[in-house]
Amino acid sequence: MTKTGFFSTMKPSLLTLTIGGFCIGMTEFMMMGVLPDVASSLNVSIPTAGHLISIYALGVVIGAPLLVALSGKFSPKKVLMTLMLMFMVFNSLFTLAPNYQLLMLARFFAGLPHGAFFGMGAVVASKLAEPGREARAVSVMFAGLTIANIIGVPLGTYIGHNLSWRVSFFIIAAVALIAALSIKKWMPDVKTSSENSFRENVKAFGKAEPWLIIGISAIGTGGLFAWISYIAPLMTEVAKFSSNMITVIMIIAGIGMAVGNFIGGRLADRFSPLKTTGILLLSMIGSLIIVSQVSSYQPAAILMTFITGAIAFAVIAPMQMLMINAAKGSEMLASAALQASANMGNALGAFLGGLPIAAGFGYTSPEYMGVGMAFIGFLFCGFIAIRNKKQTQQDILIESIPVKTNVKTIVQQNLSYESNIH
């Protein structure tokens, strides 16, 4: 394969981030597979055990901006190593916790490094990439998340069912240690703009664009979770697959996610992160509508599982690059905030997707909630495009004014003032 091919992106430094992503993917998603085993071993109900999923998401939301803010004066290499070591420690404690309360505590702390690792890792990956291949480099890191869904989560779930869920989480701790050691060996010291103070970094959020991107993440991508949170009953009750097929179906979804992840990176590099994000959200709308209509036909249900998974994960790298480009000088904090908002999308999609089921509309109804969420995300993309167009027109007008700098400055200030009012 030539230098422009896929494997040119697979540098050892980027693969260290892939290992970290694999570890995080197992930590986040494996709990869903072993939830009945955890509930049984603790003598609690499945909904009560399900709080271990929610408390992890809360840890992600709190930890993403907090840890990035606290680590601003340290090198990204040292911070990424530390975050993986935190994963190792708290997942180890999770395997040893003797009761529900301590499991909740360990699970919360295990969630803290999640968003910070992906947020900081995305910025580092873009810095390590060749010019014009930044989004592809970011997708290499998120590939770990998709590989975890294909291999790690099914394997961990099998071990949890047949041996012990504690062994499964001990494996995660071991993978976290491997990730930390690989970062130490292969990750170069990367200079970023993280030397700004926390107050300076927060200034990036004084503009509308980062908030619109957070809206895309927290609402638009919630369409994925409205679908996948209820994929098991959709496949067993509507498509009439046996429960034994759910693991296979989840692997198919994971393969789709892996394919979509790399396609999304290539599309964002070739076109633009904003255009790619908007097109993919429109594609998600179409895909979810089709899912709701064809899920009673098993071959079509399987095909759409792959396609919907691919579209859902294709949007990750473009959206991450969109945020990095919108928050120059504050990339680390903004990227971590995006990860926190993505977990809000996880919770929001699952919650809203469950409402029509509870109201008796059936297991295809969450897809329509997902359609609405994806459409709102698309509208946010449109708002960003309109703002960018206005800014470009202002820049052209300013550049067309003859040489007198003081006149240009006055016009620029007036245009900026009017733009802020509107």
Protein backbone atom coordinates (compact mmCIF):
# COMPACT_ATOMS: atom_id res chain seq x y z
CA MET A 1 0.00 0.00 0.00
CA THR A 2 1.29 3.49 -0.85
CA LYS A 3 1.93 6.26 1.56
CA THR A 4 -1.49 7.70 0.86
CA GLY A 5 -3.13 4.43 1.87
CA PHE A 6 -4.77 3.44 5.12
CA PHE A 7 -1.72 1.98 6.87
CA SER A 8 0.26 5.22 6.51
CA THR A 9 -1.96 6.59 9.29
CA MET A 10 -1.16 3.71 11.64
CA LYS A 11 1.87 5.16 13.43
CA PRO A 12 2.94 3.51 16.70
CA SER A 13 2.25 6.79 18.50
CA LEU A 14 -1.36 6.74 17.26
CA LEU A 15 -1.75 3.04 18.04
CA THR A 16 -1.06 3.82 21.70
CA LEU A 17 -4.22 5.93 21.61
CA THR A 18 -6.06 3.06 19.91
CA ILE A 19 -5.15 0.77 22.83
CA GLY A 20 -6.42 3.41 25.25
CA GLY A 21 -9.64 3.72 23.26
CA PHE A 22 -10.05 -0.07 23.36
CA CYS A 23 -9.71 -0.01 27.15
CA ILE A 24 -12.28 2.78 27.49
CA GLY A 25 -14.68 1.03 25.11
CA MET A 26 -14.59 -2.14 27.19
CA THR A 27 -15.05 -0.16 30.41
CA GLU A 28 -18.08 1.71 29.11
CA PHE A 29 -19.98 -0.94 27.14
CA MET A 30 -19.14 -4.23 28.84
CA MET A 31 -21.24 -3.35 31.88
CA MET A 32 -24.35 -3.60 29.69
CA GLY A 33 -23.44 -7.18 28.74
CA VAL A 34 -22.69 -8.43 32.27
CA LEU A 35 -25.42 -6.44 34.04
CA PRO A 36 -27.55 -9.51 34.93
CA ASP A 37 -24.46 -11.25 36.35
CA VAL A 38 -23.54 -8.21 38.46
CA ALA A 39 -27.11 -7.90 39.73
CA SER A 40 -27.24 -11.60 40.63
CA SER A 41 -23.91 -11.58 42.49
CA LEU A 42 -24.91 -8.50 44.51
CA ASN A 43 -28.51 -9.66 45.13
CA VAL A 44 -29.93 -6.45 43.66
CA SER A 45 -32.41 -5.84 40.84
CA ILE A 46 -31.22 -5.21 37.28
CA PRO A 47 -32.49 -1.56 37.36
CA THR A 48 -30.50 -1.03 40.57
CA ALA A 49 -27.40 -2.57 39.00
CA GLY A 50 -28.07 -0.31 35.99
CA HIS A 51 -27.11 2.67 38.14
CA LEU A 52 -23.52 1.47 37.66
CA ILE A 53 -23.93 2.56 34.02
CA SER A 54 -25.37 5.96 34.95
CA ILE A 55 -22.74 6.70 37.60
CA TYR A 56 -19.98 6.01 35.06
CA ALA A 57 -21.56 8.51 32.64
CA LEU A 58 -21.71 11.07 35.46
CA GLY A 59 -18.01 10.52 36.10
CA VAL A 60 -17.29 11.17 32.41
CA VAL A 61 -19.27 14.42 32.39
CA ILE A 62 -17.53 15.72 35.54
CA GLY A 63 -14.06 14.39 34.81
CA ALA A 64 -13.65 15.54 31.21
CA PRO A 65 -13.35 19.30 31.77
CA LEU A 66 -12.07 18.99 35.35
CA LEU A 67 -9.05 16.78 34.63
CA VAL A 68 -8.11 18.72 31.48
CA ALA A 69 -8.25 21.97 33.46
CA LEU A 70 -6.10 20.54 36.26
CA SER A 71 -3.52 19.08 33.86
CA GLY A 72 -3.05 22.18 31.71
CA LYS A 73 0.57 22.77 32.79
CA PHE A 74 1.75 19.20 32.17
CA SER A 75 2.82 17.57 28.91
CA PRO A 76 0.08 15.63 27.08
CA LYS A 77 2.22 12.49 27.13
CA LYS A 78 2.42 12.49 30.94
CA VAL A 79 -1.27 13.30 31.29
CA LEU A 80 -2.38 10.52 28.93
CA MET A 81 -0.20 8.03 30.83
CA THR A 82 -1.68 9.20 34.13
CA LEU A 83 -5.23 8.87 32.81
CA MET A 84 -4.60 5.27 31.76
CA LEU A 85 -3.06 4.50 35.15
CA MET A 86 -6.21 5.92 36.76
CA PHE A 87 -8.23 3.52 34.63
CA MET A 88 -6.05 0.66 35.84
CA VAL A 89 -6.38 1.60 39.52
CA PHE A 90 -10.14 2.21 39.61
CA ASN A 91 -11.06 -0.79 37.47
CA SER A 92 -8.87 -2.90 39.77
CA LEU A 93 -10.73 -1.50 42.77
CA PHE A 94 -13.99 -2.26 40.99
CA THR A 95 -13.02 -5.93 40.71
CA LEU A 96 -12.26 -6.07 44.44
CA ALA A 97 -15.14 -3.99 45.86
CA PRO A 98 -17.17 -6.24 48.18
CA ASN A 99 -20.50 -4.38 48.10
CA TYR A 100 -22.75 -2.25 45.91
CA GLN A 101 -21.82 1.09 47.50
CA LEU A 102 -18.08 0.64 46.93
CA LEU A 103 -18.74 -0.60 43.38
CA MET A 104 -20.67 2.61 42.69
CA LEU A 105 -17.79 4.69 44.05
CA ALA A 106 -15.15 2.82 42.04
CA ARG A 107 -17.29 3.01 38.90
CA PHE A 108 -17.70 6.79 39.29
CA PHE A 109 -13.94 7.32 39.59
CA ALA A 110 -13.32 4.98 36.65
CA GLY A 111 -15.45 7.32 34.53
CA LEU A 112 -13.42 10.43 35.36
CA PRO A 113 -10.51 9.82 32.90
CA HIS A 114 -12.75 8.77 29.98
CA GLY A 115 -13.61 12.14 28.45
CA ALA A 116 -10.26 13.70 29.32
CA PHE A 117 -8.39 10.89 27.52
CA PHE A 118 -10.46 11.11 24.35
CA GLY A 119 -10.50 14.91 24.45
CA MET A 120 -6.77 15.30 24.90
CA GLY A 121 -6.02 12.28 22.68
CA ALA A 122 -7.97 13.80 19.79
CA VAL A 123 -5.88 16.98 19.92
CA VAL A 124 -2.63 15.00 20.19
CA ALA A 125 -3.66 12.76 17.27
CA SER A 126 -4.35 15.80 15.08
CA LYS A 127 -0.91 17.21 15.96
CA LEU A 128 0.80 13.90 15.10
CA ALA A 129 -0.95 13.68 11.71
CA GLU A 130 0.38 14.79 8.37
CA PRO A 131 -1.27 17.96 7.01
CA GLY A 132 -4.68 17.18 5.55
CA ARG A 133 -4.98 13.86 7.42
CA GLU A 134 -5.94 15.13 10.87
CA ALA A 135 -9.45 13.67 10.97
CA ARG A 136 -8.13 10.29 9.85
CA ALA A 137 -5.61 10.34 12.69
CA VAL A 138 -8.39 11.10 15.18
CA SER A 139 -10.38 8.18 13.76
CA VAL A 140 -7.42 5.86 14.50
CA MET A 141 -7.81 6.63 18.20
CA PHE A 142 -11.58 6.05 18.11
CA ALA A 143 -10.96 2.78 16.27
CA GLY A 144 -10.12 1.35 19.69
CA LEU A 145 -13.69 2.06 20.75
CA THR A 146 -15.09 0.17 17.76
CA ILE A 147 -12.68 -2.77 18.15
CA ALA A 148 -13.78 -3.04 21.77
CA ASN A 149 -17.37 -3.47 20.58
CA ILE A 150 -16.35 -6.15 18.07
CA ILE A 151 -13.94 -8.16 20.22
CA GLY A 152 -13.48 -6.88 23.76
CA VAL A 153 -17.10 -6.49 24.86
CA PRO A 154 -18.33 -9.88 23.52
CA LEU A 155 -15.26 -11.61 25.01
CA GLY A 156 -15.65 -9.85 28.36
CA THR A 157 -19.37 -10.64 28.39
CA TYR A 158 -18.67 -14.32 27.68
CA ILE A 159 -16.12 -14.46 30.52
CA GLY A 160 -18.57 -12.64 32.80
CA HIS A 161 -21.32 -15.17 32.06
CA ASN A 162 -19.15 -18.27 32.34
CA LEU A 163 -16.48 -17.36 34.89
CA SER A 164 -16.92 -14.03 36.70
CA TRP A 165 -17.63 -10.43 35.74
CA ARG A 166 -14.82 -9.45 38.13
CA VAL A 167 -12.33 -11.29 35.89
CA SER A 168 -13.64 -9.30 32.93
CA PHE A 169 -12.93 -5.99 34.66
CA PHE A 170 -9.52 -7.22 35.81
CA ILE A 171 -8.72 -7.73 32.10
CA ILE A 172 -9.67 -4.09 31.51
CA ALA A 173 -7.24 -3.03 34.24
CA ALA A 174 -4.48 -5.06 32.53
CA VAL A 175 -5.24 -3.44 29.16
CA ALA A 176 -5.07 0.00 30.80
CA LEU A 177 -1.58 -0.80 32.11
CA ILE A 178 -0.50 -1.92 28.64
CA ALA A 179 -1.87 1.34 27.20
CA ALA A 180 0.06 3.41 29.77
CA LEU A 181 3.31 1.56 29.03
CA SER A 182 2.83 1.90 25.26
CA ILE A 183 2.29 5.66 25.63
CA LYS A 184 5.49 5.90 27.67
CA LYS A 185 7.46 4.02 25.00
CA TRP A 186 6.02 5.28 21.71
CA MET A 187 4.25 8.59 22.31
CA PRO A 188 6.47 11.61 21.53
CA ASP A 189 6.26 14.82 23.52
CA VAL A 190 3.74 16.95 21.65
CA LYS A 191 3.54 20.68 22.15
CA THR A 192 0.00 22.00 22.30
CA SER A 193 -1.61 25.27 23.26
CA SER A 194 -2.60 23.88 26.66
CA GLU A 195 -0.23 26.25 28.47
CA ASN A 196 -3.06 28.81 28.61
CA SER A 197 -4.64 29.35 32.01
CA PHE A 198 -8.05 27.88 32.71
CA ARG A 199 -9.59 31.35 32.48
CA GLU A 200 -8.04 31.88 29.04
CA ASN A 201 -9.24 28.47 27.88
CA VAL A 202 -12.79 29.20 29.00
CA LYS A 203 -12.86 32.29 26.75
CA ALA A 204 -13.37 29.97 23.77
CA PHE A 205 -16.86 29.31 25.11
CA GLY A 206 -17.71 32.99 24.85
CA LYS A 207 -18.45 32.34 21.16
CA ALA A 208 -21.59 30.67 19.88
CA GLU A 209 -19.92 28.05 17.68
CA PRO A 210 -18.51 25.76 20.43
CA TRP A 211 -21.94 25.71 22.09
CA LEU A 212 -23.63 24.81 18.82
CA ILE A 213 -21.15 21.95 18.37
CA ILE A 214 -21.86 20.77 21.91
CA GLY A 215 -25.54 20.84 20.96
CA ILE A 216 -24.80 18.64 17.94
CA SER A 217 -23.02 16.19 20.24
CA ALA A 218 -25.50 16.21 23.13
CA ILE A 219 -28.66 16.13 21.01
CA GLY A 220 -27.85 15.21 17.40
CA THR A 221 -25.80 12.12 18.15
CA GLY A 222 -28.36 11.06 20.78
CA GLY A 223 -30.16 9.49 17.84
CA LEU A 224 -27.60 6.67 18.00
CA PHE A 225 -28.42 5.91 21.62
CA ALA A 226 -32.17 6.12 21.07
CA TRP A 227 -31.64 3.24 18.62
CA ILE A 228 -28.91 1.11 20.19
CA SER A 229 -30.21 1.32 23.78
CA TYR A 230 -33.26 -0.72 22.72
CA ILE A 231 -31.73 -2.83 19.96
CA ALA A 232 -32.13 -6.08 21.94
CA PRO A 233 -35.95 -5.92 22.27
CA LEU A 234 -36.17 -4.55 18.71
CA MET A 235 -34.40 -7.65 17.40
CA THR A 236 -36.12 -10.21 19.62
CA GLU A 237 -39.68 -8.80 19.65
CA VAL A 238 -39.92 -7.22 16.18
CA ALA A 239 -37.37 -9.09 14.05
CA LYS A 240 -38.06 -12.32 16.01
CA PHE A 241 -34.42 -13.32 16.47
CA SER A 242 -33.60 -15.60 19.38
CA SER A 243 -31.89 -14.03 22.37
CA ASN A 244 -28.78 -16.05 21.53
CA MET A 245 -28.38 -13.94 18.37
CA ILE A 246 -28.05 -10.63 20.21
CA THR A 247 -24.29 -11.04 20.73
CA VAL A 248 -23.83 -11.69 17.00
CA ILE A 249 -26.02 -8.70 16.14
CA MET A 250 -23.98 -6.45 18.44
CA ILE A 251 -20.79 -7.64 16.75
CA ILE A 252 -22.32 -6.73 13.36
CA ALA A 253 -23.17 -3.28 14.75
CA GLY A 254 -19.58 -3.01 16.03
CA ILE A 255 -18.13 -3.90 12.62
CA GLY A 256 -20.35 -1.22 11.08
CA MET A 257 -19.07 1.28 13.64
CA ALA A 258 -15.46 0.40 12.81
CA VAL A 259 -16.03 0.85 9.07
CA GLY A 260 -17.96 4.09 9.58
CA ASN A 261 -15.29 5.48 11.90
CA PHE A 262 -12.61 5.35 9.22
CA ILE A 263 -14.94 6.53 6.46
CA GLY A 264 -15.90 9.55 8.57
CA GLY A 265 -12.25 10.50 9.03
CA ARG A 266 -11.55 10.31 5.31
CA LEU A 267 -14.68 12.31 4.42
CA ALA A 268 -13.82 15.09 6.88
CA ASP A 269 -10.30 15.38 5.47
CA ARG A 270 -11.55 15.41 1.88
CA PHE A 271 -14.45 17.83 2.30
CA SER A 272 -14.84 19.68 5.62
CA PRO A 273 -15.77 18.61 9.16
CA LEU A 274 -18.94 20.76 9.12
CA LYS A 275 -20.21 19.55 5.75
CA THR A 276 -19.42 15.94 6.64
CA THR A 277 -21.20 16.19 10.01
CA GLY A 278 -24.31 17.68 8.43
CA ILE A 279 -24.50 15.05 5.67
CA LEU A 280 -24.02 12.21 8.15
CA LEU A 281 -26.77 13.51 10.45
CA LEU A 282 -29.13 13.62 7.45
CA SER A 283 -28.05 10.06 6.63
CA MET A 284 -28.81 9.05 10.22
CA ILE A 285 -32.33 10.41 9.85
CA GLY A 286 -32.90 8.33 6.73
CA SER A 287 -31.32 5.24 8.28
CA LEU A 288 -33.46 5.37 11.44
CA ILE A 289 -36.65 5.77 9.40
CA ILE A 290 -35.71 2.72 7.33
CA VAL A 291 -34.93 0.74 10.51
CA SER A 292 -38.40 1.49 11.86
CA GLN A 293 -40.00 0.23 8.64
CA VAL A 294 -38.01 -2.93 7.82
CA SER A 295 -37.08 -4.42 11.21
CA SER A 296 -39.73 -7.12 10.92
CA TYR A 297 -37.68 -8.61 8.05
CA GLN A 298 -34.61 -10.33 9.45
CA PRO A 299 -32.15 -9.84 6.52
CA ALA A 300 -33.08 -6.15 6.27
CA ALA A 301 -32.80 -5.77 10.06
CA ILE A 302 -29.25 -7.16 10.01
CA LEU A 303 -28.24 -4.97 7.05
CA MET A 304 -29.60 -1.82 8.68
CA THR A 305 -27.85 -2.70 11.94
CA PHE A 306 -24.55 -2.55 10.06
CA ILE A 307 -25.44 0.62 8.13
CA THR A 308 -26.83 2.51 11.13
CA GLY A 309 -23.78 1.61 13.23
CA ALA A 310 -21.52 2.84 10.42
CA ILE A 311 -23.32 6.18 10.05
CA ALA A 312 -23.45 6.71 13.83
CA PHE A 313 -19.69 6.34 14.29
CA ALA A 314 -18.73 8.08 11.05
CA VAL A 315 -19.74 11.38 12.63
CA ILE A 316 -17.32 11.13 15.59
CA ALA A 317 -14.02 12.21 13.96
CA PRO A 318 -15.59 15.05 11.88
CA MET A 319 -17.35 16.42 14.95
CA GLN A 320 -14.16 16.24 17.00
CA MET A 321 -12.23 18.15 14.31
CA LEU A 322 -15.08 20.67 14.10
CA MET A 323 -14.63 21.45 17.79
CA ILE A 324 -10.82 21.56 17.60
CA ASN A 325 -10.99 24.04 14.70
CA ALA A 326 -13.59 26.19 16.47
CA ALA A 327 -11.62 26.54 19.71
CA LYS A 328 -8.11 27.53 18.63
CA GLY A 329 -5.95 28.03 21.70
CA SER A 330 -8.36 26.06 23.90
CA GLU A 331 -8.46 22.78 21.98
CA MET A 332 -7.89 20.48 24.95
CA LEU A 333 -10.68 21.84 27.12
CA ALA A 334 -13.11 22.19 24.20
CA SER A 335 -12.40 18.66 22.98
CA ALA A 336 -12.92 17.26 26.47
CA ALA A 337 -16.17 19.22 26.82
CA LEU A 338 -17.35 17.58 23.61
CA GLN A 339 -16.71 14.16 25.14
CA ALA A 340 -18.72 15.14 28.20
CA SER A 341 -21.61 16.29 26.00
CA ALA A 342 -21.47 13.00 24.06
CA ASN A 343 -22.21 11.13 27.29
CA MET A 344 -25.10 13.51 27.92
CA GLY A 345 -26.32 12.45 24.47
CA ASN A 346 -25.99 8.84 25.59
CA ALA A 347 -28.25 9.43 28.59
CA LEU A 348 -30.68 11.71 26.72
CA GLY A 349 -31.09 9.32 23.78
CA ALA A 350 -31.74 6.35 26.05
CA PHE A 351 -34.21 8.34 28.17
CA LEU A 352 -36.17 9.86 25.29
CA GLY A 353 -36.09 6.59 23.35
CA GLY A 354 -37.73 4.82 26.29
CA LEU A 355 -40.66 7.26 26.59
CA PRO A 356 -42.67 6.06 23.55
CA ILE A 357 -42.04 2.43 24.53
CA ALA A 358 -43.45 3.15 28.00
CA ALA A 359 -46.41 4.86 26.32
CA GLY A 360 -47.16 1.67 24.39
CA PHE A 361 -45.95 2.65 20.90
CA GLY A 362 -43.75 -0.42 20.45
CA TYR A 363 -40.07 -1.15 19.99
CA THR A 364 -39.71 0.70 16.67
CA SER A 365 -40.84 3.99 18.26
CA PRO A 366 -37.41 4.99 19.69
CA GLU A 367 -36.17 5.40 16.11
CA TYR A 368 -38.55 8.34 15.62
CA MET A 369 -37.21 10.03 18.75
CA GLY A 370 -33.76 9.48 17.26
CA VAL A 371 -34.89 11.08 13.99
CA GLY A 372 -36.00 14.19 15.86
CA MET A 373 -32.72 14.41 17.76
CA ALA A 374 -30.61 13.96 14.62
CA PHE A 375 -32.66 16.64 12.85
CA ILE A 376 -32.00 19.13 15.67
CA GLY A 377 -28.29 18.35 15.30
CA PHE A 378 -28.55 19.03 11.56
CA LEU A 379 -30.20 22.38 12.27
CA PHE A 380 -27.27 23.30 14.53
CA CYS A 381 -24.93 22.51 11.62
CA GLY A 382 -26.99 24.88 9.49
CA PHE A 383 -26.67 27.67 12.08
CA ILE A 384 -22.89 27.23 12.10
CA ALA A 385 -22.78 27.34 8.28
CA ILE A 386 -24.83 30.57 8.23
CA ARG A 387 -22.54 32.19 10.81
CA ASN A 388 -19.45 31.14 8.88
CA LYS A 389 -20.88 32.56 5.66
CA LYS A 390 -21.62 35.91 7.34
CA GLN A 391 -18.11 36.00 8.78
CA THR A 392 -16.60 35.31 5.35
CA GLN A 393 -18.64 38.12 3.81
CA GLN A 394 -17.47 40.51 6.54
CA ASP A 395 -13.84 39.52 5.93
CA ILE A 396 -14.22 40.12 2.19
CA LEU A 397 -15.80 43.54 2.84
CA ILE A 398 -13.00 44.52 5.21
CA GLU A 399 -10.28 43.42 2.77
CA SER A 400 -11.90 45.45 -0.02
CA ILE A 401 -11.50 48.72 1.91
CA PRO A 402 -8.40 50.64 0.73
CA VAL A 403 -5.21 50.77 2.65
CA LYS A 404 -6.00 53.08 5.59
CA THR A 405 -5.74 50.73 8.52
CA ASN A 406 -7.61 52.92 11.00
CA VAL A 407 -10.71 52.98 8.74
CA LYS A 408 -10.53 49.18 8.32
CA THR A 409 -10.30 48.73 12.07
CA ILE A 410 -13.34 50.94 12.72
CA VAL A 411 -15.42 49.08 10.11
CA GLN A 412 -14.30 45.72 11.51
CA GLN A 413 -15.27 46.76 15.04
CA ASN A 414 -18.70 47.99 13.89
CA LEU A 415 -19.38 44.79 11.96
CA SER A 416 -18.29 42.70 14.94
CA TYR A 417 -20.54 44.75 17.24
CA GLU A 418 -23.56 44.37 14.94
CA SER A 419 -22.89 40.63 14.59
CA ASN A 420 -22.82 40.17 18.37
CA ILE A 421 -26.12 42.08 18.74
CA HIS A 422 -27.85 39.83 16.19
